[in-house]
N, C-alpha and C. Protein backbone atom coordinates (compact mmCIF):
# COMPACT_ATOMS: atom_id res chain seq x y z
N MET A 1 109.56 -93.95 103.36
CA MET A 1 110.64 -94.03 102.38
C MET A 1 110.52 -92.91 101.34
N LYS A 2 109.30 -92.74 100.79
CA LYS A 2 109.07 -91.70 99.80
C LYS A 2 109.31 -90.33 100.40
N ALA A 3 108.89 -90.16 101.65
CA ALA A 3 109.08 -88.87 102.33
C ALA A 3 110.57 -88.56 102.48
N ASP A 4 111.37 -89.57 102.76
CA ASP A 4 112.82 -89.38 102.90
C ASP A 4 113.44 -88.95 101.58
N ILE A 5 112.98 -89.57 100.49
CA ILE A 5 113.50 -89.23 99.16
C ILE A 5 113.15 -87.79 98.81
N GLU A 6 111.90 -87.41 99.09
CA GLU A 6 111.46 -86.05 98.80
C GLU A 6 112.25 -85.03 99.63
N TYR A 7 112.50 -85.38 100.88
CA TYR A 7 113.26 -84.49 101.76
C TYR A 7 114.68 -84.30 101.23
N LYS A 8 115.29 -85.40 100.78
CA LYS A 8 116.66 -85.32 100.25
C LYS A 8 116.70 -84.47 98.98
N LYS A 9 115.69 -84.62 98.14
CA LYS A 9 115.61 -83.81 96.91
C LYS A 9 115.53 -82.33 97.26
N ARG A 10 114.69 -82.02 98.20
CA ARG A 10 114.50 -80.63 98.60
C ARG A 10 115.78 -80.03 99.17
N GLU A 11 116.44 -80.78 100.05
CA GLU A 11 117.67 -80.30 100.65
C GLU A 11 118.77 -80.14 99.61
N LEU A 12 118.83 -81.04 98.64
CA LEU A 12 119.83 -80.95 97.58
C LEU A 12 119.58 -79.72 96.71
N LEU A 13 118.32 -79.46 96.43
CA LEU A 13 117.97 -78.26 95.67
C LEU A 13 118.40 -76.99 96.40
N ILE A 14 118.19 -76.97 97.69
CA ILE A 14 118.58 -75.80 98.49
C ILE A 14 120.09 -75.60 98.48
N GLU A 15 120.84 -76.70 98.61
CA GLU A 15 122.29 -76.60 98.61
C GLU A 15 122.83 -76.13 97.27
N GLU A 16 122.27 -76.67 96.19
CA GLU A 16 122.72 -76.26 94.86
C GLU A 16 122.28 -74.83 94.54
N ALA A 17 121.13 -74.45 95.05
CA ALA A 17 120.66 -73.07 94.86
C ALA A 17 121.58 -72.10 95.58
N LYS A 18 122.00 -72.46 96.78
CA LYS A 18 122.91 -71.61 97.54
C LYS A 18 124.19 -71.39 96.75
N LYS A 19 124.74 -72.46 96.17
CA LYS A 19 125.97 -72.34 95.38
C LYS A 19 125.76 -71.44 94.17
N GLU A 20 124.63 -71.63 93.47
CA GLU A 20 124.34 -70.84 92.28
C GLU A 20 124.14 -69.37 92.62
N PHE A 21 123.43 -69.09 93.69
CA PHE A 21 123.22 -67.70 94.10
C PHE A 21 124.54 -67.05 94.51
N LEU A 22 125.40 -67.79 95.20
CA LEU A 22 126.69 -67.26 95.62
C LEU A 22 127.59 -66.99 94.42
N GLU A 23 127.53 -67.86 93.44
CA GLU A 23 128.38 -67.72 92.25
C GLU A 23 127.90 -66.61 91.31
N ARG A 24 126.59 -66.52 91.11
CA ARG A 24 126.07 -65.65 90.06
C ARG A 24 125.17 -64.52 90.55
N GLY A 25 124.81 -64.54 91.81
CA GLY A 25 123.88 -63.54 92.32
C GLY A 25 122.45 -63.94 92.02
N TYR A 26 121.53 -63.25 92.67
CA TYR A 26 120.11 -63.60 92.52
C TYR A 26 119.62 -63.39 91.09
N ASN A 27 119.93 -62.25 90.50
CA ASN A 27 119.38 -61.92 89.19
C ASN A 27 119.83 -62.87 88.10
N LYS A 28 121.09 -63.30 88.13
CA LYS A 28 121.63 -64.13 87.06
C LYS A 28 121.53 -65.63 87.35
N ALA A 29 121.13 -65.98 88.55
CA ALA A 29 121.02 -67.39 88.91
C ALA A 29 120.01 -68.11 88.01
N SER A 30 120.36 -69.30 87.59
CA SER A 30 119.52 -70.09 86.68
C SER A 30 118.88 -71.26 87.42
N LEU A 31 117.56 -71.32 87.35
CA LEU A 31 116.86 -72.45 87.97
C LEU A 31 117.18 -73.75 87.23
N ARG A 32 117.38 -73.66 85.93
CA ARG A 32 117.75 -74.86 85.15
C ARG A 32 119.09 -75.41 85.61
N THR A 33 120.04 -74.51 85.85
CA THR A 33 121.35 -74.95 86.32
C THR A 33 121.24 -75.59 87.70
N ILE A 34 120.44 -74.99 88.56
CA ILE A 34 120.24 -75.54 89.91
C ILE A 34 119.67 -76.95 89.83
N CYS A 35 118.66 -77.12 88.99
CA CYS A 35 118.02 -78.44 88.84
C CYS A 35 119.00 -79.46 88.26
N SER A 36 119.77 -79.02 87.27
CA SER A 36 120.73 -79.92 86.64
C SER A 36 121.76 -80.41 87.64
N ARG A 37 122.28 -79.49 88.45
CA ARG A 37 123.27 -79.87 89.46
C ARG A 37 122.69 -80.76 90.54
N ALA A 38 121.42 -80.54 90.83
CA ALA A 38 120.76 -81.35 91.86
C ALA A 38 120.27 -82.68 91.30
N GLY A 39 120.29 -82.81 89.96
CA GLY A 39 119.86 -84.06 89.34
C GLY A 39 118.36 -84.27 89.38
N VAL A 40 117.61 -83.15 89.32
CA VAL A 40 116.15 -83.25 89.33
C VAL A 40 115.59 -82.42 88.17
N THR A 41 114.32 -82.60 87.87
CA THR A 41 113.67 -81.83 86.82
C THR A 41 113.20 -80.48 87.37
N THR A 42 112.93 -79.54 86.47
CA THR A 42 112.40 -78.25 86.91
C THR A 42 111.03 -78.44 87.55
N GLY A 43 110.32 -79.47 87.10
CA GLY A 43 109.02 -79.77 87.71
C GLY A 43 109.16 -80.11 89.18
N ALA A 44 110.24 -80.82 89.52
CA ALA A 44 110.49 -81.17 90.92
C ALA A 44 110.75 -79.91 91.74
N LEU A 45 111.48 -78.96 91.15
CA LEU A 45 111.75 -77.72 91.87
C LEU A 45 110.45 -76.98 92.17
N TYR A 46 109.58 -76.88 91.15
CA TYR A 46 108.33 -76.15 91.35
C TYR A 46 107.35 -76.90 92.25
N PHE A 47 107.62 -78.16 92.48
CA PHE A 47 106.81 -78.91 93.45
C PHE A 47 107.10 -78.41 94.87
N PHE A 48 108.37 -78.03 95.09
CA PHE A 48 108.79 -77.57 96.42
C PHE A 48 108.73 -76.05 96.60
N PHE A 49 109.02 -75.32 95.51
CA PHE A 49 109.13 -73.87 95.61
C PHE A 49 108.35 -73.20 94.49
N LYS A 50 107.63 -72.14 94.82
CA LYS A 50 106.77 -71.46 93.86
C LYS A 50 107.57 -70.77 92.76
N ASN A 51 108.71 -70.18 93.13
CA ASN A 51 109.52 -69.44 92.18
C ASN A 51 110.92 -69.25 92.74
N LYS A 52 111.75 -68.50 92.03
CA LYS A 52 113.14 -68.29 92.44
C LYS A 52 113.22 -67.52 93.76
N GLU A 53 112.35 -66.54 93.94
CA GLU A 53 112.39 -65.75 95.17
C GLU A 53 112.05 -66.60 96.39
N GLU A 54 111.12 -67.50 96.24
CA GLU A 54 110.78 -68.38 97.37
C GLU A 54 111.93 -69.30 97.70
N LEU A 55 112.65 -69.75 96.68
CA LEU A 55 113.83 -70.58 96.89
C LEU A 55 114.92 -69.78 97.61
N PHE A 56 115.12 -68.55 97.19
CA PHE A 56 116.09 -67.67 97.83
C PHE A 56 115.70 -67.42 99.29
N ALA A 57 114.41 -67.19 99.50
CA ALA A 57 113.91 -66.94 100.86
C ALA A 57 114.15 -68.13 101.78
N GLU A 58 114.06 -69.33 101.24
CA GLU A 58 114.30 -70.53 102.03
C GLU A 58 115.71 -70.53 102.63
N ILE A 59 116.63 -69.90 101.93
CA ILE A 59 118.03 -69.88 102.36
C ILE A 59 118.30 -68.75 103.35
N VAL A 60 117.67 -67.59 103.15
CA VAL A 60 118.06 -66.41 103.93
C VAL A 60 117.05 -65.96 104.98
N ASP A 61 115.80 -66.33 104.84
CA ASP A 61 114.76 -65.74 105.69
C ASP A 61 114.91 -66.09 107.17
N ARG A 62 115.04 -67.36 107.47
CA ARG A 62 115.13 -67.78 108.87
C ARG A 62 116.38 -67.24 109.58
N PRO A 63 117.56 -67.30 108.94
CA PRO A 63 118.73 -66.70 109.60
C PRO A 63 118.55 -65.21 109.88
N LEU A 64 117.95 -64.48 108.94
CA LEU A 64 117.71 -63.05 109.15
C LEU A 64 116.76 -62.80 110.31
N LYS A 65 115.66 -63.51 110.32
CA LYS A 65 114.69 -63.34 111.41
C LYS A 65 115.31 -63.72 112.75
N GLY A 66 116.13 -64.77 112.74
CA GLY A 66 116.79 -65.19 113.97
C GLY A 66 117.73 -64.13 114.50
N LEU A 67 118.46 -63.45 113.61
CA LEU A 67 119.37 -62.39 114.03
C LEU A 67 118.60 -61.20 114.58
N LYS A 68 117.47 -60.89 113.96
CA LYS A 68 116.65 -59.77 114.46
C LYS A 68 116.13 -60.07 115.86
N GLU A 69 115.72 -61.31 116.09
CA GLU A 69 115.23 -61.68 117.42
C GLU A 69 116.36 -61.64 118.45
N LEU A 70 117.55 -62.05 118.02
CA LEU A 70 118.72 -62.01 118.91
C LEU A 70 119.04 -60.57 119.29
N LEU A 71 118.94 -59.67 118.33
CA LEU A 71 119.18 -58.25 118.58
C LEU A 71 118.15 -57.67 119.54
N LYS A 72 116.88 -58.00 119.32
CA LYS A 72 115.82 -57.50 120.19
C LYS A 72 116.04 -57.96 121.63
N LYS A 73 116.42 -59.20 121.79
CA LYS A 73 116.70 -59.75 123.12
C LYS A 73 117.88 -59.01 123.75
N HIS A 74 118.89 -58.75 122.95
CA HIS A 74 120.07 -58.03 123.43
C HIS A 74 119.71 -56.60 123.86
N PHE A 75 118.89 -55.92 123.06
CA PHE A 75 118.47 -54.56 123.39
C PHE A 75 117.68 -54.54 124.70
N LYS A 76 116.81 -55.52 124.87
CA LYS A 76 116.02 -55.59 126.10
C LYS A 76 116.92 -55.80 127.31
N GLU A 77 117.88 -56.70 127.18
CA GLU A 77 118.80 -56.96 128.29
C GLU A 77 119.66 -55.74 128.58
N ASP A 78 120.07 -55.02 127.53
CA ASP A 78 120.87 -53.80 127.72
C ASP A 78 120.07 -52.73 128.44
N ARG A 79 118.78 -52.62 128.08
CA ARG A 79 117.94 -51.62 128.74
C ARG A 79 117.81 -51.94 130.23
N GLU A 80 117.61 -53.21 130.56
CA GLU A 80 117.49 -53.61 131.95
C GLU A 80 118.79 -53.32 132.71
N TYR A 81 119.91 -53.61 132.02
CA TYR A 81 121.23 -53.35 132.64
C TYR A 81 121.44 -51.86 132.86
N MET A 82 121.12 -51.05 131.85
CA MET A 82 121.31 -49.61 131.95
C MET A 82 120.45 -49.01 133.06
N SER A 83 119.23 -49.52 133.20
CA SER A 83 118.33 -48.98 134.23
C SER A 83 118.83 -49.31 135.63
N LYS A 84 119.60 -50.40 135.75
CA LYS A 84 120.13 -50.79 137.05
C LYS A 84 121.34 -49.95 137.45
N ILE A 85 122.23 -49.69 136.46
CA ILE A 85 123.44 -48.96 136.83
C ILE A 85 123.17 -47.45 136.98
N GLY A 86 122.20 -46.93 136.19
CA GLY A 86 121.78 -45.54 136.36
C GLY A 86 122.71 -44.48 135.82
N SER A 87 123.95 -44.85 135.50
CA SER A 87 124.91 -43.86 135.01
C SER A 87 125.82 -44.50 133.96
N LEU A 88 126.08 -43.75 132.89
CA LEU A 88 126.96 -44.26 131.84
C LEU A 88 128.39 -44.44 132.34
N SER A 89 128.76 -43.68 133.37
CA SER A 89 130.12 -43.80 133.92
C SER A 89 130.35 -45.17 134.55
N GLU A 90 129.26 -45.86 134.92
CA GLU A 90 129.38 -47.19 135.52
C GLU A 90 129.26 -48.30 134.49
N MET A 91 129.07 -47.94 133.23
CA MET A 91 128.84 -48.93 132.18
C MET A 91 130.09 -49.75 131.89
N ASP A 92 129.93 -51.05 131.78
CA ASP A 92 131.02 -51.94 131.41
C ASP A 92 131.32 -51.76 129.92
N MET A 93 132.52 -51.36 129.60
CA MET A 93 132.88 -51.07 128.21
C MET A 93 133.37 -52.31 127.45
N ASP A 94 133.49 -53.42 128.12
CA ASP A 94 133.94 -54.64 127.44
C ASP A 94 132.73 -55.41 126.92
N HIS A 95 132.55 -55.38 125.61
CA HIS A 95 131.42 -56.06 124.98
C HIS A 95 131.88 -57.27 124.16
N SER A 96 132.98 -57.87 124.58
CA SER A 96 133.54 -59.01 123.85
C SER A 96 132.58 -60.19 123.80
N ASP A 97 131.89 -60.45 124.92
CA ASP A 97 130.95 -61.57 124.95
C ASP A 97 129.81 -61.37 123.95
N GLU A 98 129.30 -60.14 123.90
CA GLU A 98 128.22 -59.85 122.95
C GLU A 98 128.71 -59.98 121.52
N SER A 99 129.93 -59.50 121.27
CA SER A 99 130.51 -59.61 119.94
C SER A 99 130.63 -61.07 119.52
N ASP A 100 131.13 -61.92 120.43
CA ASP A 100 131.26 -63.35 120.14
C ASP A 100 129.91 -63.99 119.88
N MET A 101 128.91 -63.58 120.65
CA MET A 101 127.57 -64.14 120.49
C MET A 101 127.03 -63.88 119.08
N PHE A 102 127.17 -62.64 118.62
CA PHE A 102 126.67 -62.29 117.30
C PHE A 102 127.47 -62.98 116.20
N ILE A 103 128.78 -63.03 116.35
CA ILE A 103 129.61 -63.71 115.34
C ILE A 103 129.28 -65.20 115.29
N ASP A 104 129.11 -65.82 116.46
CA ASP A 104 128.73 -67.25 116.50
C ASP A 104 127.47 -67.49 115.69
N TYR A 105 126.46 -66.66 115.92
CA TYR A 105 125.19 -66.84 115.21
C TYR A 105 125.35 -66.59 113.72
N ILE A 106 125.97 -65.48 113.37
CA ILE A 106 126.10 -65.11 111.96
C ILE A 106 126.89 -66.15 111.18
N TYR A 107 127.98 -66.64 111.77
CA TYR A 107 128.83 -67.59 111.04
C TYR A 107 128.21 -68.99 110.95
N ARG A 108 127.24 -69.25 111.78
CA ARG A 108 126.49 -70.50 111.65
C ARG A 108 125.74 -70.50 110.31
N TYR A 109 125.36 -69.31 109.85
CA TYR A 109 124.62 -69.15 108.59
C TYR A 109 125.35 -68.17 107.67
N ARG A 110 126.66 -68.21 107.68
CA ARG A 110 127.43 -67.18 106.96
C ARG A 110 127.05 -67.10 105.48
N ASP A 111 126.88 -68.23 104.81
CA ASP A 111 126.52 -68.20 103.39
C ASP A 111 125.21 -67.42 103.17
N SER A 112 124.27 -67.62 104.06
CA SER A 112 122.99 -66.91 103.94
C SER A 112 123.19 -65.41 104.07
N PHE A 113 124.03 -64.98 105.01
CA PHE A 113 124.26 -63.55 105.19
C PHE A 113 125.10 -62.97 104.06
N ILE A 114 126.01 -63.75 103.51
CA ILE A 114 126.77 -63.30 102.33
C ILE A 114 125.81 -63.05 101.17
N LEU A 115 124.82 -63.91 101.03
CA LEU A 115 123.82 -63.74 99.97
C LEU A 115 123.01 -62.46 100.18
N VAL A 116 122.62 -62.21 101.41
CA VAL A 116 121.86 -60.99 101.70
C VAL A 116 122.70 -59.76 101.38
N LEU A 117 123.98 -59.80 101.72
CA LEU A 117 124.85 -58.64 101.54
C LEU A 117 125.19 -58.38 100.07
N GLY A 118 125.32 -59.46 99.29
CA GLY A 118 125.81 -59.26 97.93
C GLY A 118 124.94 -59.74 96.80
N SER A 119 123.87 -60.46 97.11
CA SER A 119 123.10 -61.09 96.03
C SER A 119 121.59 -60.95 96.19
N SER A 120 121.14 -59.97 96.95
CA SER A 120 119.71 -59.88 97.24
C SER A 120 118.99 -58.77 96.47
N GLU A 121 119.67 -58.17 95.49
CA GLU A 121 119.04 -57.11 94.70
C GLU A 121 117.79 -57.63 94.02
N ASN A 122 116.75 -56.80 94.03
CA ASN A 122 115.45 -57.13 93.44
C ASN A 122 114.69 -58.21 94.22
N THR A 123 115.05 -58.38 95.49
CA THR A 123 114.27 -59.24 96.37
C THR A 123 113.81 -58.40 97.56
N VAL A 124 112.95 -58.97 98.38
CA VAL A 124 112.46 -58.23 99.56
C VAL A 124 113.56 -58.06 100.61
N TYR A 125 114.73 -58.68 100.38
CA TYR A 125 115.81 -58.63 101.36
C TYR A 125 116.89 -57.61 101.02
N GLU A 126 116.73 -56.87 99.93
CA GLU A 126 117.81 -55.99 99.47
C GLU A 126 118.08 -54.83 100.41
N ASN A 127 117.14 -54.48 101.27
CA ASN A 127 117.34 -53.37 102.21
C ASN A 127 117.59 -53.86 103.64
N SER A 128 118.02 -55.10 103.77
CA SER A 128 118.19 -55.68 105.10
C SER A 128 119.23 -54.95 105.94
N VAL A 129 120.31 -54.50 105.31
CA VAL A 129 121.35 -53.78 106.06
C VAL A 129 120.77 -52.50 106.65
N ASP A 130 120.00 -51.77 105.86
CA ASP A 130 119.37 -50.54 106.36
C ASP A 130 118.40 -50.84 107.50
N GLU A 131 117.74 -51.99 107.44
CA GLU A 131 116.82 -52.37 108.51
C GLU A 131 117.57 -52.59 109.82
N PHE A 132 118.75 -53.20 109.73
CA PHE A 132 119.54 -53.43 110.94
C PHE A 132 120.09 -52.12 111.49
N VAL A 133 120.48 -51.22 110.60
CA VAL A 133 120.93 -49.89 111.04
C VAL A 133 119.80 -49.19 111.78
N ASP A 134 118.60 -49.27 111.23
CA ASP A 134 117.43 -48.64 111.84
C ASP A 134 117.13 -49.24 113.21
N MET A 135 117.22 -50.56 113.30
CA MET A 135 117.00 -51.23 114.59
C MET A 135 117.99 -50.75 115.63
N LEU A 136 119.25 -50.67 115.24
CA LEU A 136 120.30 -50.26 116.18
C LEU A 136 120.12 -48.81 116.59
N GLU A 137 119.81 -47.95 115.62
CA GLU A 137 119.63 -46.54 115.91
C GLU A 137 118.47 -46.31 116.88
N LYS A 138 117.37 -47.02 116.66
CA LYS A 138 116.19 -46.85 117.51
C LYS A 138 116.38 -47.45 118.90
N SER A 139 117.35 -48.34 119.03
CA SER A 139 117.56 -48.98 120.33
C SER A 139 118.15 -48.02 121.35
N ILE A 140 118.83 -46.97 120.89
CA ILE A 140 119.54 -46.07 121.81
C ILE A 140 118.59 -45.32 122.73
N PRO A 141 117.60 -44.58 122.20
CA PRO A 141 116.67 -43.92 123.13
C PRO A 141 115.89 -44.91 123.98
N TYR A 142 115.65 -46.10 123.43
CA TYR A 142 114.96 -47.16 124.18
C TYR A 142 115.79 -47.57 125.38
N MET A 143 117.09 -47.75 125.18
CA MET A 143 117.96 -48.18 126.27
C MET A 143 118.21 -47.06 127.29
N LEU A 144 118.18 -45.79 126.81
CA LEU A 144 118.45 -44.67 127.70
C LEU A 144 117.24 -44.22 128.50
N SER A 145 116.05 -44.69 128.09
CA SER A 145 114.85 -44.26 128.80
C SER A 145 114.93 -44.66 130.27
N GLY A 146 114.65 -43.70 131.13
CA GLY A 146 114.73 -43.98 132.56
C GLY A 146 116.07 -43.63 133.16
N MET A 147 117.06 -43.29 132.30
CA MET A 147 118.37 -42.91 132.83
C MET A 147 118.42 -41.39 132.94
N ASP A 148 118.49 -40.88 134.15
CA ASP A 148 118.45 -39.44 134.37
C ASP A 148 119.70 -38.74 133.84
N GLY A 149 119.47 -37.56 133.25
CA GLY A 149 120.58 -36.69 132.90
C GLY A 149 121.22 -36.92 131.55
N TYR A 150 120.72 -37.92 130.79
CA TYR A 150 121.33 -38.20 129.50
C TYR A 150 120.30 -38.17 128.39
N THR A 151 120.76 -37.75 127.23
CA THR A 151 119.95 -37.82 126.01
C THR A 151 120.85 -38.39 124.93
N PHE A 152 120.40 -38.32 123.69
CA PHE A 152 121.27 -38.81 122.62
C PHE A 152 121.25 -37.83 121.46
N ASP A 153 122.35 -37.78 120.76
CA ASP A 153 122.51 -36.92 119.60
C ASP A 153 122.03 -37.71 118.38
N GLU A 154 120.90 -37.31 117.79
CA GLU A 154 120.31 -38.08 116.71
C GLU A 154 121.24 -38.24 115.52
N TYR A 155 121.92 -37.17 115.15
CA TYR A 155 122.81 -37.22 113.99
C TYR A 155 123.95 -38.21 114.22
N MET A 156 124.62 -38.06 115.36
CA MET A 156 125.75 -38.94 115.65
C MET A 156 125.29 -40.37 115.90
N SER A 157 124.12 -40.52 116.50
CA SER A 157 123.58 -41.85 116.73
C SER A 157 123.36 -42.58 115.41
N HIS A 158 122.84 -41.85 114.42
CA HIS A 158 122.60 -42.44 113.10
C HIS A 158 123.90 -42.94 112.48
N TRP A 159 124.94 -42.13 112.55
CA TRP A 159 126.20 -42.52 111.91
C TRP A 159 126.94 -43.59 112.70
N MET A 160 126.81 -43.58 114.02
CA MET A 160 127.42 -44.65 114.80
C MET A 160 126.74 -45.98 114.52
N ALA A 161 125.43 -45.94 114.29
CA ALA A 161 124.71 -47.16 113.92
C ALA A 161 125.23 -47.70 112.60
N HIS A 162 125.41 -46.81 111.62
CA HIS A 162 125.97 -47.22 110.33
C HIS A 162 127.36 -47.82 110.49
N LEU A 163 128.20 -47.16 111.26
CA LEU A 163 129.57 -47.65 111.44
C LEU A 163 129.59 -49.03 112.08
N THR A 164 128.70 -49.24 113.05
CA THR A 164 128.66 -50.53 113.75
C THR A 164 128.22 -51.66 112.82
N ILE A 165 127.15 -51.43 112.06
CA ILE A 165 126.69 -52.46 111.14
C ILE A 165 127.70 -52.68 110.02
N ASP A 166 128.31 -51.59 109.53
CA ASP A 166 129.33 -51.71 108.49
C ASP A 166 130.52 -52.53 108.97
N ALA A 167 130.88 -52.38 110.23
CA ALA A 167 132.00 -53.15 110.79
C ALA A 167 131.70 -54.64 110.73
N PHE A 168 130.50 -55.02 111.14
CA PHE A 168 130.11 -56.42 111.09
C PHE A 168 130.06 -56.93 109.65
N THR A 169 129.48 -56.16 108.74
CA THR A 169 129.35 -56.63 107.36
C THR A 169 130.71 -56.80 106.70
N ASN A 170 131.66 -55.92 107.02
CA ASN A 170 133.00 -56.06 106.44
C ASN A 170 133.71 -57.30 106.96
N VAL A 171 133.56 -57.58 108.23
CA VAL A 171 134.16 -58.79 108.79
C VAL A 171 133.53 -60.04 108.16
N ILE A 172 132.21 -60.04 108.04
CA ILE A 172 131.50 -61.18 107.45
C ILE A 172 131.96 -61.43 106.01
N ARG A 173 132.10 -60.36 105.25
CA ARG A 173 132.49 -60.49 103.84
C ARG A 173 133.91 -61.01 103.66
N HIS A 174 134.82 -60.55 104.50
CA HIS A 174 136.24 -60.75 104.21
C HIS A 174 136.96 -61.78 105.07
N ILE A 175 136.34 -62.20 106.16
CA ILE A 175 136.99 -63.20 107.03
C ILE A 175 136.15 -64.47 107.04
N GLU A 176 136.73 -65.57 106.59
CA GLU A 176 135.99 -66.82 106.48
C GLU A 176 135.92 -67.60 107.78
N ASP A 177 136.96 -67.51 108.58
CA ASP A 177 137.03 -68.29 109.81
C ASP A 177 136.33 -67.58 110.97
N ALA A 178 135.45 -68.27 111.66
CA ALA A 178 134.67 -67.66 112.73
C ALA A 178 135.55 -67.21 113.90
N ASP A 179 136.55 -68.01 114.26
CA ASP A 179 137.43 -67.62 115.38
C ASP A 179 138.23 -66.37 115.04
N GLU A 180 138.69 -66.29 113.80
CA GLU A 180 139.40 -65.09 113.37
C GLU A 180 138.47 -63.88 113.37
N ALA A 181 137.22 -64.09 112.94
CA ALA A 181 136.23 -63.01 112.94
C ALA A 181 135.98 -62.52 114.37
N LYS A 182 135.90 -63.43 115.31
CA LYS A 182 135.72 -63.04 116.72
C LYS A 182 136.90 -62.20 117.20
N ARG A 183 138.11 -62.66 116.90
CA ARG A 183 139.31 -61.96 117.35
C ARG A 183 139.36 -60.54 116.81
N ARG A 184 138.95 -60.38 115.57
CA ARG A 184 138.98 -59.05 114.94
C ARG A 184 137.84 -58.16 115.44
N MET A 185 136.68 -58.76 115.66
CA MET A 185 135.49 -57.97 115.96
C MET A 185 135.43 -57.48 117.40
N ARG A 186 136.04 -58.21 118.33
CA ARG A 186 135.98 -57.81 119.74
C ARG A 186 136.50 -56.40 119.97
N PRO A 187 137.74 -56.09 119.57
CA PRO A 187 138.23 -54.72 119.81
C PRO A 187 137.49 -53.68 118.99
N ILE A 188 137.02 -54.07 117.81
CA ILE A 188 136.27 -53.12 116.98
C ILE A 188 134.98 -52.71 117.68
N LEU A 189 134.24 -53.70 118.19
CA LEU A 189 132.97 -53.39 118.86
C LEU A 189 133.20 -52.59 120.13
N ASN A 190 134.22 -52.95 120.90
CA ASN A 190 134.52 -52.20 122.12
C ASN A 190 134.86 -50.75 121.79
N TYR A 191 135.61 -50.56 120.73
CA TYR A 191 135.95 -49.20 120.27
C TYR A 191 134.69 -48.43 119.88
N LEU A 192 133.79 -49.10 119.17
CA LEU A 192 132.56 -48.44 118.71
C LEU A 192 131.63 -48.12 119.88
N VAL A 193 131.56 -49.00 120.87
CA VAL A 193 130.72 -48.73 122.04
C VAL A 193 131.21 -47.48 122.76
N LYS A 194 132.52 -47.34 122.87
CA LYS A 194 133.08 -46.13 123.48
C LYS A 194 132.73 -44.90 122.65
N GLY A 195 132.69 -45.08 121.33
CA GLY A 195 132.29 -44.00 120.45
C GLY A 195 130.85 -43.59 120.67
N TRP A 196 129.98 -44.59 120.87
CA TRP A 196 128.57 -44.29 121.18
C TRP A 196 128.49 -43.39 122.41
N VAL A 197 129.23 -43.76 123.45
CA VAL A 197 129.16 -43.02 124.71
C VAL A 197 129.70 -41.60 124.54
N GLU A 198 130.80 -41.47 123.81
CA GLU A 198 131.43 -40.16 123.66
C GLU A 198 130.70 -39.26 122.66
N LEU A 199 130.16 -39.84 121.59
CA LEU A 199 129.62 -39.02 120.51
C LEU A 199 128.10 -39.00 120.42
N ALA A 200 127.46 -40.10 120.76
CA ALA A 200 126.02 -40.19 120.56
C ALA A 200 125.21 -40.04 121.84
N MET A 201 125.84 -40.30 122.99
CA MET A 201 125.14 -40.16 124.26
C MET A 201 125.77 -39.00 125.02
N VAL A 202 125.01 -37.95 125.26
CA VAL A 202 125.57 -36.76 125.89
C VAL A 202 124.76 -36.34 127.10
N LYS A 203 125.44 -35.72 128.06
CA LYS A 203 124.75 -35.18 129.23
C LYS A 203 123.88 -34.00 128.81
N GLU A 204 122.74 -33.86 129.45
CA GLU A 204 121.82 -32.77 129.12
C GLU A 204 122.51 -31.41 129.21
N LYS A 205 123.36 -31.22 130.19
CA LYS A 205 124.01 -29.93 130.39
C LYS A 205 124.98 -29.59 129.26
N ASP A 206 125.47 -30.64 128.54
CA ASP A 206 126.40 -30.41 127.44
C ASP A 206 125.72 -30.36 126.08
N ARG A 207 124.40 -30.61 126.06
CA ARG A 207 123.71 -30.74 124.79
C ARG A 207 123.75 -29.43 123.98
N ALA A 208 123.60 -28.30 124.63
CA ALA A 208 123.59 -27.02 123.94
C ALA A 208 124.90 -26.78 123.18
N ASP A 209 126.00 -27.25 123.75
CA ASP A 209 127.29 -27.06 123.10
C ASP A 209 127.48 -27.95 121.88
N ARG A 210 126.65 -29.00 121.79
CA ARG A 210 126.80 -29.97 120.68
C ARG A 210 125.90 -29.66 119.52
N ILE A 211 124.91 -28.78 119.72
CA ILE A 211 123.94 -28.46 118.66
C ILE A 211 124.49 -27.34 117.76
C-alpha cells in the first residue's frame, strides 16, 4: 500500500514537472511550483530526485536513448540491405515505412522531445540535435562500405544530415497529431533520400568533377 502511494507521488511529480518545463523551460522552471501542483512537499521531491536536472532527465533520457537505439538498428539494417543490392541504382527510394516508424516512436514521447528541442539549455541534453546529425552523417560511409564504385561527398553529406534532422524537428514542433505528422513526413523523407543519392553519394569516376 505504501509503495503504491509513493509510486503515485513520483508519477504525479513527473507529470507536473513536464508541464512546468514545457511552460517555462528548464532554466525558469520552479521546483516549488511543481511540488505545489503535485500536492507534495519539496522534501518529497528530493526523496525521489536529487535535483532539477535529475527530474528533467527522468522525462527525456529514456526516450532519447530509445531513439538512438532505433537509429542504430535502422543503420545496421540499411547497411545489410545496401550490401545485398550492390548498386544505388537498385535502391528502393520509398522510405515511407521508415518515416512512419520514427514518427510513431517520437510521438509516443512527443512532450519529451519538445522539451529536448526547446527547453534543454544548460543541461547535458542541449546538444542532442547535433548528436543526431552526427549519427546520421557518420552512418553514410558505414552503409556504403563494401559497395563498389561509390564514395560520399563529406560536405554535402554533412548538410544533408542537417536538413534531414531539421525536417523531423520542424514536424515535431509544429504538428501535434501523429497521423498528420506521418502524412507530411513521408514525402519529405523520400525527397531527402533522393537528395542523399544525388548530392552526397557519388560515383568514383565523377568525384573529380565535384571537388
